Amino acid sequence: MHYVCGDERMLDDIAELWDGLRNHHQSHSKDFKQYYAELTFERRKVALLEKTRGGKIRVDVAFDEASGGKVGYCISSINQSKIGEVNSIYVAQDHRRLTVGDALMRKALAWMDAEGAESKIVEVGAGNEEAFSFYARYGFVPRSTLLKQKERV
């Protein structure tokens, strides 16, 4: 694998991979399938840039050296309050269990440490609880559960 990092200017480079993550969340969500169906990359990008305004953002992209194709990414940020966040991470299905996700997480967390993040968080969508064990390897554990009212149809 080959890894490249940059800032928000690299966000458009991961649009196709991000769609894979959106599809994953949509298929696993019990109550918010429509939310994920309507969440375009452009909407997510705007929300992410707004959320990280005044802070720092990093984008890591994993490339398969054999094919040259993008196989994973991690977006991480540090806000003005020095809270580091893994905003989004995804590895293509056929490259999972090959340490790509581990490398992306380690790069993001090392960057947060180097930039002085005082705490670190990651939000996991409902239905994706299988990701808890992945994040637990890096010391992330559930602290609270946010409940959101479903839109009435």
N, C-alpha and C. Protein backbone atom coordinates (compact mmCIF):
# COMPACT_ATOMS: atom_id res chain seq x y z
N MET A 1 0.84 -1.18 0.00
CA MET A 1 0.00 0.00 0.00
C MET A 1 0.88 1.24 0.00
N HIS A 2 0.33 2.28 -0.57
CA HIS A 2 0.98 3.59 -0.59
C HIS A 2 -0.02 4.58 -0.01
N TYR A 3 0.43 5.46 0.87
CA TYR A 3 -0.46 6.40 1.54
C TYR A 3 -0.06 7.83 1.20
N VAL A 4 -1.07 8.65 0.96
CA VAL A 4 -0.87 10.07 0.68
C VAL A 4 -1.75 10.85 1.63
N CYS A 5 -1.20 11.94 2.18
CA CYS A 5 -2.01 12.76 3.07
C CYS A 5 -2.04 14.19 2.56
N GLY A 6 -3.08 14.89 2.96
CA GLY A 6 -3.23 16.29 2.58
C GLY A 6 -4.33 16.92 3.41
N ASP A 7 -4.83 18.03 2.92
CA ASP A 7 -5.87 18.75 3.64
C ASP A 7 -7.19 18.68 2.88
N GLU A 8 -8.07 19.64 3.15
CA GLU A 8 -9.41 19.60 2.55
C GLU A 8 -9.41 19.60 1.03
N ARG A 9 -8.31 20.02 0.42
CA ARG A 9 -8.24 20.00 -1.04
C ARG A 9 -8.27 18.58 -1.59
N MET A 10 -8.04 17.58 -0.75
CA MET A 10 -8.07 16.18 -1.19
C MET A 10 -9.45 15.54 -1.02
N LEU A 11 -10.40 16.26 -0.47
CA LEU A 11 -11.70 15.66 -0.22
C LEU A 11 -12.35 15.11 -1.48
N ASP A 12 -12.30 15.85 -2.57
CA ASP A 12 -12.92 15.38 -3.80
C ASP A 12 -12.29 14.08 -4.30
N ASP A 13 -11.06 13.82 -3.91
CA ASP A 13 -10.36 12.60 -4.33
C ASP A 13 -10.97 11.33 -3.74
N ILE A 14 -11.73 11.48 -2.65
CA ILE A 14 -12.27 10.29 -1.98
C ILE A 14 -13.77 10.14 -2.19
N ALA A 15 -14.36 10.93 -3.07
CA ALA A 15 -15.81 10.91 -3.26
C ALA A 15 -16.35 9.52 -3.56
N GLU A 16 -15.69 8.79 -4.44
CA GLU A 16 -16.17 7.45 -4.80
C GLU A 16 -16.10 6.49 -3.62
N LEU A 17 -15.01 6.55 -2.87
CA LEU A 17 -14.89 5.71 -1.67
C LEU A 17 -15.94 6.11 -0.63
N TRP A 18 -16.17 7.41 -0.48
CA TRP A 18 -17.16 7.88 0.48
C TRP A 18 -18.53 7.32 0.14
N ASP A 19 -18.84 7.22 -1.15
CA ASP A 19 -20.12 6.62 -1.56
C ASP A 19 -20.21 5.18 -1.07
N GLY A 20 -19.09 4.47 -1.05
CA GLY A 20 -19.08 3.11 -0.50
C GLY A 20 -19.45 3.11 0.96
N LEU A 21 -18.94 4.07 1.71
CA LEU A 21 -19.27 4.17 3.14
C LEU A 21 -20.75 4.53 3.31
N ARG A 22 -21.24 5.47 2.52
CA ARG A 22 -22.65 5.86 2.60
C ARG A 22 -23.55 4.66 2.31
N ASN A 23 -23.20 3.89 1.30
CA ASN A 23 -23.99 2.70 0.97
C ASN A 23 -23.95 1.69 2.12
N HIS A 24 -22.79 1.55 2.75
CA HIS A 24 -22.65 0.65 3.91
C HIS A 24 -23.59 1.09 5.02
N HIS A 25 -23.57 2.39 5.34
CA HIS A 25 -24.44 2.90 6.40
C HIS A 25 -25.91 2.75 6.04
N GLN A 26 -26.23 3.01 4.79
CA GLN A 26 -27.63 2.90 4.37
C GLN A 26 -28.12 1.46 4.51
N SER A 27 -27.29 0.51 4.13
CA SER A 27 -27.71 -0.89 4.21
C SER A 27 -27.79 -1.40 5.64
N HIS A 28 -27.03 -0.80 6.56
CA HIS A 28 -27.02 -1.25 7.95
C HIS A 28 -27.95 -0.46 8.85
N SER A 29 -28.41 0.68 8.40
CA SER A 29 -29.26 1.52 9.24
C SER A 29 -30.68 0.97 9.29
N LYS A 30 -31.20 0.87 10.48
CA LYS A 30 -32.57 0.38 10.65
C LYS A 30 -33.57 1.52 10.44
N ASP A 31 -33.26 2.68 10.99
CA ASP A 31 -34.23 3.77 11.04
C ASP A 31 -33.91 4.97 10.15
N PHE A 32 -32.71 5.04 9.58
CA PHE A 32 -32.33 6.24 8.86
C PHE A 32 -31.86 5.96 7.43
N LYS A 33 -32.42 4.94 6.82
CA LYS A 33 -32.06 4.60 5.44
C LYS A 33 -32.28 5.78 4.49
N GLN A 34 -33.37 6.50 4.67
CA GLN A 34 -33.67 7.63 3.80
C GLN A 34 -32.65 8.75 3.97
N TYR A 35 -32.22 8.98 5.19
CA TYR A 35 -31.18 10.00 5.46
C TYR A 35 -29.94 9.70 4.63
N TYR A 36 -29.48 8.45 4.68
CA TYR A 36 -28.28 8.09 3.92
C TYR A 36 -28.53 8.11 2.42
N ALA A 37 -29.73 7.77 2.00
CA ALA A 37 -30.06 7.80 0.58
C ALA A 37 -29.96 9.23 0.03
N GLU A 38 -30.32 10.20 0.85
CA GLU A 38 -30.32 11.60 0.41
C GLU A 38 -29.01 12.33 0.71
N LEU A 39 -28.12 11.72 1.43
CA LEU A 39 -26.87 12.37 1.82
C LEU A 39 -25.85 12.26 0.69
N THR A 40 -25.77 13.30 -0.10
CA THR A 40 -24.80 13.30 -1.20
C THR A 40 -23.41 13.64 -0.68
N PHE A 41 -22.42 13.33 -1.48
CA PHE A 41 -21.05 13.67 -1.10
C PHE A 41 -20.90 15.18 -0.93
N GLU A 42 -21.50 15.96 -1.82
CA GLU A 42 -21.38 17.42 -1.72
C GLU A 42 -21.98 17.94 -0.42
N ARG A 43 -23.12 17.41 -0.01
CA ARG A 43 -23.73 17.83 1.26
C ARG A 43 -22.84 17.46 2.43
N ARG A 44 -22.28 16.26 2.40
CA ARG A 44 -21.40 15.81 3.48
C ARG A 44 -20.14 16.67 3.53
N LYS A 45 -19.61 16.99 2.36
CA LYS A 45 -18.39 17.81 2.29
C LYS A 45 -18.64 19.20 2.88
N VAL A 46 -19.74 19.82 2.52
CA VAL A 46 -20.08 21.15 3.05
C VAL A 46 -20.22 21.09 4.56
N ALA A 47 -20.92 20.08 5.07
CA ALA A 47 -21.11 19.94 6.52
C ALA A 47 -19.78 19.71 7.23
N LEU A 48 -18.93 18.91 6.64
CA LEU A 48 -17.63 18.63 7.23
C LEU A 48 -16.76 19.89 7.29
N LEU A 49 -16.74 20.65 6.22
CA LEU A 49 -15.94 21.88 6.19
C LEU A 49 -16.49 22.91 7.17
N GLU A 50 -17.80 22.97 7.32
CA GLU A 50 -18.40 23.87 8.29
C GLU A 50 -18.04 23.44 9.71
N LYS A 51 -18.12 22.16 9.97
CA LYS A 51 -17.82 21.62 11.31
C LYS A 51 -16.37 21.87 11.70
N THR A 52 -15.48 21.85 10.74
CA THR A 52 -14.05 21.97 11.04
C THR A 52 -13.51 23.39 10.82
N ARG A 53 -14.40 24.33 10.51
CA ARG A 53 -13.96 25.71 10.28
C ARG A 53 -13.21 26.24 11.49
N GLY A 54 -12.08 26.86 11.26
CA GLY A 54 -11.28 27.40 12.34
C GLY A 54 -10.37 26.37 12.97
N GLY A 55 -10.49 25.13 12.56
CA GLY A 55 -9.62 24.08 13.08
C GLY A 55 -8.72 23.56 11.97
N LYS A 56 -8.38 22.29 12.07
CA LYS A 56 -7.49 21.66 11.09
C LYS A 56 -8.15 20.39 10.59
N ILE A 57 -7.86 20.05 9.35
CA ILE A 57 -8.42 18.83 8.77
C ILE A 57 -7.32 18.10 8.02
N ARG A 58 -7.39 16.78 8.06
CA ARG A 58 -6.40 15.94 7.37
C ARG A 58 -7.15 14.84 6.62
N VAL A 59 -6.67 14.56 5.43
CA VAL A 59 -7.23 13.48 4.62
C VAL A 59 -6.08 12.54 4.28
N ASP A 60 -6.23 11.27 4.65
CA ASP A 60 -5.26 10.23 4.29
C ASP A 60 -5.94 9.31 3.29
N VAL A 61 -5.24 8.98 2.22
CA VAL A 61 -5.78 8.09 1.20
C VAL A 61 -4.82 6.93 1.00
N ALA A 62 -5.37 5.71 0.96
CA ALA A 62 -4.57 4.50 0.73
C ALA A 62 -4.73 4.07 -0.73
N PHE A 63 -3.60 3.79 -1.36
CA PHE A 63 -3.58 3.32 -2.75
C PHE A 63 -3.00 1.92 -2.79
N ASP A 64 -3.60 1.06 -3.57
CA ASP A 64 -3.07 -0.27 -3.83
C ASP A 64 -1.93 -0.11 -4.83
N GLU A 65 -0.73 -0.49 -4.44
CA GLU A 65 0.42 -0.31 -5.34
C GLU A 65 0.32 -1.13 -6.61
N ALA A 66 -0.33 -2.28 -6.54
CA ALA A 66 -0.45 -3.13 -7.72
C ALA A 66 -1.35 -2.51 -8.78
N SER A 67 -2.50 -2.00 -8.33
CA SER A 67 -3.46 -1.44 -9.29
C SER A 67 -3.38 0.07 -9.40
N GLY A 68 -2.82 0.70 -8.39
CA GLY A 68 -2.77 2.16 -8.36
C GLY A 68 -4.08 2.78 -7.92
N GLY A 69 -5.08 1.96 -7.66
CA GLY A 69 -6.40 2.47 -7.28
C GLY A 69 -6.50 2.84 -5.82
N LYS A 70 -7.42 3.76 -5.52
CA LYS A 70 -7.70 4.16 -4.14
C LYS A 70 -8.52 3.06 -3.47
N VAL A 71 -8.10 2.64 -2.29
CA VAL A 71 -8.79 1.55 -1.60
C VAL A 71 -9.27 1.93 -0.20
N GLY A 72 -8.92 3.10 0.27
CA GLY A 72 -9.36 3.51 1.60
C GLY A 72 -9.01 4.95 1.87
N TYR A 73 -9.66 5.51 2.88
CA TYR A 73 -9.37 6.88 3.28
C TYR A 73 -9.73 7.08 4.74
N CYS A 74 -9.19 8.14 5.31
CA CYS A 74 -9.57 8.58 6.64
C CYS A 74 -9.55 10.10 6.65
N ILE A 75 -10.64 10.69 7.11
CA ILE A 75 -10.71 12.13 7.32
C ILE A 75 -10.67 12.36 8.82
N SER A 76 -9.74 13.16 9.27
CA SER A 76 -9.65 13.48 10.68
C SER A 76 -9.54 14.99 10.84
N SER A 77 -9.89 15.47 12.03
CA SER A 77 -9.86 16.91 12.26
C SER A 77 -9.55 17.21 13.71
N ILE A 78 -9.18 18.46 13.93
CA ILE A 78 -9.01 18.98 15.29
C ILE A 78 -9.73 20.32 15.31
N ASN A 79 -10.68 20.47 16.22
CA ASN A 79 -11.43 21.73 16.26
C ASN A 79 -10.72 22.76 17.14
N GLN A 80 -11.34 23.93 17.25
CA GLN A 80 -10.73 25.03 18.01
C GLN A 80 -10.59 24.71 19.50
N SER A 81 -11.37 23.74 19.98
CA SER A 81 -11.28 23.34 21.39
C SER A 81 -10.27 22.23 21.61
N LYS A 82 -9.47 21.93 20.57
CA LYS A 82 -8.42 20.90 20.63
C LYS A 82 -8.99 19.49 20.76
N ILE A 83 -10.21 19.28 20.25
CA ILE A 83 -10.80 17.94 20.23
C ILE A 83 -10.52 17.34 18.86
N GLY A 84 -9.80 16.22 18.85
CA GLY A 84 -9.53 15.51 17.61
C GLY A 84 -10.67 14.56 17.32
N GLU A 85 -10.97 14.41 16.03
CA GLU A 85 -12.07 13.53 15.65
C GLU A 85 -11.72 12.75 14.40
N VAL A 86 -12.03 11.47 14.43
CA VAL A 86 -12.00 10.66 13.22
C VAL A 86 -13.38 10.88 12.60
N ASN A 87 -13.44 11.71 11.58
CA ASN A 87 -14.72 12.10 11.00
C ASN A 87 -15.29 11.05 10.07
N SER A 88 -14.41 10.32 9.39
CA SER A 88 -14.87 9.34 8.41
C SER A 88 -13.69 8.45 8.05
N ILE A 89 -13.95 7.15 8.03
CA ILE A 89 -12.92 6.20 7.62
C ILE A 89 -13.60 5.08 6.87
N TYR A 90 -12.96 4.63 5.80
CA TYR A 90 -13.55 3.57 4.99
C TYR A 90 -12.44 2.83 4.24
N VAL A 91 -12.59 1.52 4.18
CA VAL A 91 -11.70 0.67 3.39
C VAL A 91 -12.59 -0.19 2.50
N ALA A 92 -12.26 -0.24 1.21
CA ALA A 92 -13.04 -1.05 0.27
C ALA A 92 -13.08 -2.49 0.75
N GLN A 93 -14.21 -3.13 0.54
CA GLN A 93 -14.46 -4.49 1.04
C GLN A 93 -13.32 -5.45 0.72
N ASP A 94 -12.81 -5.43 -0.49
CA ASP A 94 -11.78 -6.39 -0.90
C ASP A 94 -10.40 -6.07 -0.33
N HIS A 95 -10.27 -4.98 0.42
CA HIS A 95 -8.99 -4.64 1.04
C HIS A 95 -9.07 -4.63 2.57
N ARG A 96 -10.18 -5.09 3.10
CA ARG A 96 -10.30 -5.18 4.56
C ARG A 96 -9.51 -6.37 5.06
N ARG A 97 -9.12 -6.30 6.31
CA ARG A 97 -8.31 -7.34 6.96
C ARG A 97 -6.88 -7.37 6.41
N LEU A 98 -6.46 -6.30 5.72
CA LEU A 98 -5.10 -6.23 5.18
C LEU A 98 -4.31 -5.11 5.86
N THR A 99 -4.75 -4.65 7.00
CA THR A 99 -4.14 -3.61 7.84
C THR A 99 -4.25 -2.20 7.26
N VAL A 100 -5.06 -2.00 6.22
CA VAL A 100 -5.23 -0.66 5.66
C VAL A 100 -5.91 0.24 6.67
N GLY A 101 -6.99 -0.22 7.27
CA GLY A 101 -7.70 0.58 8.27
C GLY A 101 -6.81 0.90 9.46
N ASP A 102 -6.00 -0.07 9.88
CA ASP A 102 -5.07 0.15 10.99
C ASP A 102 -4.07 1.26 10.63
N ALA A 103 -3.51 1.19 9.45
CA ALA A 103 -2.54 2.21 9.03
C ALA A 103 -3.19 3.59 8.98
N LEU A 104 -4.40 3.66 8.44
CA LEU A 104 -5.10 4.95 8.36
C LEU A 104 -5.38 5.51 9.75
N MET A 105 -5.84 4.66 10.67
CA MET A 105 -6.11 5.12 12.04
C MET A 105 -4.84 5.58 12.72
N ARG A 106 -3.78 4.81 12.58
CA ARG A 106 -2.52 5.19 13.24
C ARG A 106 -2.01 6.53 12.72
N LYS A 107 -2.13 6.76 11.42
CA LYS A 107 -1.70 8.04 10.85
C LYS A 107 -2.54 9.19 11.39
N ALA A 108 -3.86 9.00 11.44
CA ALA A 108 -4.74 10.05 11.95
C ALA A 108 -4.45 10.35 13.42
N LEU A 109 -4.32 9.32 14.23
CA LEU A 109 -4.09 9.52 15.66
C LEU A 109 -2.72 10.14 15.93
N ALA A 110 -1.71 9.73 15.18
CA ALA A 110 -0.38 10.33 15.34
C ALA A 110 -0.41 11.81 14.98
N TRP A 111 -1.14 12.15 13.93
CA TRP A 111 -1.28 13.55 13.53
C TRP A 111 -1.97 14.35 14.64
N MET A 112 -3.06 13.79 15.20
CA MET A 112 -3.77 14.48 16.28
C MET A 112 -2.84 14.72 17.47
N ASP A 113 -2.05 13.70 17.81
CA ASP A 113 -1.10 13.85 18.92
C ASP A 113 -0.08 14.94 18.62
N ALA A 114 0.48 14.92 17.41
CA ALA A 114 1.49 15.90 17.03
C ALA A 114 0.93 17.33 17.01
N GLU A 115 -0.36 17.44 16.72
CA GLU A 115 -1.00 18.76 16.65
C GLU A 115 -1.58 19.21 17.99
N GLY A 116 -1.41 18.38 19.03
CA GLY A 116 -1.82 18.79 20.38
C GLY A 116 -3.28 18.56 20.73
N ALA A 117 -3.92 17.61 20.09
CA ALA A 117 -5.30 17.31 20.46
C ALA A 117 -5.35 16.86 21.92
N GLU A 118 -6.28 17.43 22.68
CA GLU A 118 -6.38 17.11 24.10
C GLU A 118 -7.29 15.92 24.37
N SER A 119 -8.18 15.64 23.45
CA SER A 119 -9.02 14.45 23.53
C SER A 119 -9.38 14.05 22.11
N LYS A 120 -9.88 12.84 21.95
CA LYS A 120 -10.19 12.31 20.62
C LYS A 120 -11.53 11.60 20.67
N ILE A 121 -12.29 11.77 19.60
CA ILE A 121 -13.62 11.14 19.52
C ILE A 121 -13.83 10.54 18.13
N VAL A 122 -14.80 9.65 18.07
CA VAL A 122 -15.28 9.11 16.80
C VAL A 122 -16.76 8.82 16.99
N GLU A 123 -17.55 9.16 15.99
CA GLU A 123 -18.99 8.90 16.03
C GLU A 123 -19.28 7.70 15.15
N VAL A 124 -20.05 6.76 15.67
CA VAL A 124 -20.41 5.55 14.93
C VAL A 124 -21.92 5.56 14.69
N GLY A 125 -22.31 5.44 13.44
CA GLY A 125 -23.73 5.43 13.10
C GLY A 125 -24.43 4.20 13.65
N ALA A 126 -25.68 4.39 14.08
CA ALA A 126 -26.49 3.26 14.54
C ALA A 126 -26.60 2.23 13.41
N GLY A 127 -26.44 0.99 13.77
CA GLY A 127 -26.44 -0.09 12.78
C GLY A 127 -25.04 -0.51 12.41
N ASN A 128 -24.05 0.29 12.79
CA ASN A 128 -22.65 -0.02 12.47
C ASN A 128 -21.87 -0.37 13.73
N GLU A 129 -22.56 -0.94 14.71
CA GLU A 129 -21.92 -1.26 15.98
C GLU A 129 -20.78 -2.27 15.83
N GLU A 130 -20.74 -2.99 14.71
CA GLU A 130 -19.63 -3.91 14.47
C GLU A 130 -18.29 -3.16 14.43
N ALA A 131 -18.33 -1.86 14.18
CA ALA A 131 -17.11 -1.04 14.15
C ALA A 131 -16.55 -0.78 15.55
N PHE A 132 -17.34 -1.01 16.59
CA PHE A 132 -16.86 -0.76 17.95
C PHE A 132 -15.58 -1.52 18.25
N SER A 133 -15.50 -2.77 17.83
CA SER A 133 -14.31 -3.56 18.14
C SER A 133 -13.07 -3.01 17.42
N PHE A 134 -13.26 -2.48 16.22
CA PHE A 134 -12.14 -1.84 15.50
C PHE A 134 -11.64 -0.64 16.30
N TYR A 135 -12.55 0.23 16.70
CA TYR A 135 -12.15 1.45 17.41
C TYR A 135 -11.62 1.15 18.81
N ALA A 136 -12.09 0.08 19.42
CA ALA A 136 -11.60 -0.29 20.76
C ALA A 136 -10.11 -0.58 20.75
N ARG A 137 -9.58 -1.06 19.63
CA ARG A 137 -8.13 -1.31 19.52
C ARG A 137 -7.32 -0.05 19.71
N TYR A 138 -7.94 1.11 19.55
CA TYR A 138 -7.24 2.39 19.66
C TYR A 138 -7.69 3.16 20.90
N GLY A 139 -8.39 2.46 21.79
CA GLY A 139 -8.79 3.06 23.06
C GLY A 139 -10.12 3.77 23.06
N PHE A 140 -10.88 3.67 21.97
CA PHE A 140 -12.19 4.31 21.91
C PHE A 140 -13.25 3.38 22.48
N VAL A 141 -14.05 3.90 23.39
CA VAL A 141 -15.14 3.15 23.99
C VAL A 141 -16.38 4.04 24.04
N PRO A 142 -17.57 3.45 24.04
CA PRO A 142 -18.79 4.28 24.11
C PRO A 142 -18.84 5.05 25.42
N ARG A 143 -19.16 6.34 25.30
CA ARG A 143 -19.34 7.17 26.49
C ARG A 143 -20.81 7.53 26.69
N SER A 144 -21.52 7.71 25.60
CA SER A 144 -22.94 8.03 25.69
C SER A 144 -23.61 7.60 24.38
N THR A 145 -24.92 7.65 24.37
CA THR A 145 -25.67 7.33 23.17
C THR A 145 -26.59 8.50 22.87
N LEU A 146 -26.48 9.04 21.70
CA LEU A 146 -27.33 10.13 21.25
C LEU A 146 -28.52 9.54 20.51
N LEU A 147 -29.71 9.89 20.94
CA LEU A 147 -30.91 9.41 20.26
C LEU A 147 -31.48 10.56 19.44
N LYS A 148 -31.94 10.25 18.25
CA LYS A 148 -32.52 11.26 17.37
C LYS A 148 -33.92 10.81 16.98
N GLN A 149 -34.87 11.73 17.05
CA GLN A 149 -36.24 11.41 16.68
C GLN A 149 -36.32 11.20 15.16
N LYS A 150 -36.99 10.12 14.79
CA LYS A 150 -37.19 9.87 13.37
C LYS A 150 -38.17 10.88 12.82
N GLU A 151 -37.96 11.24 11.54
CA GLU A 151 -38.91 12.14 10.89
C GLU A 151 -40.22 11.41 10.74
N ARG A 152 -41.28 12.12 10.97
CA ARG A 152 -42.62 11.51 10.82
C ARG A 152 -43.04 11.58 9.38
N VAL A 153 -43.54 10.47 8.90
CA VAL A 153 -43.95 10.39 7.49
C VAL A 153 -45.43 10.63 7.36
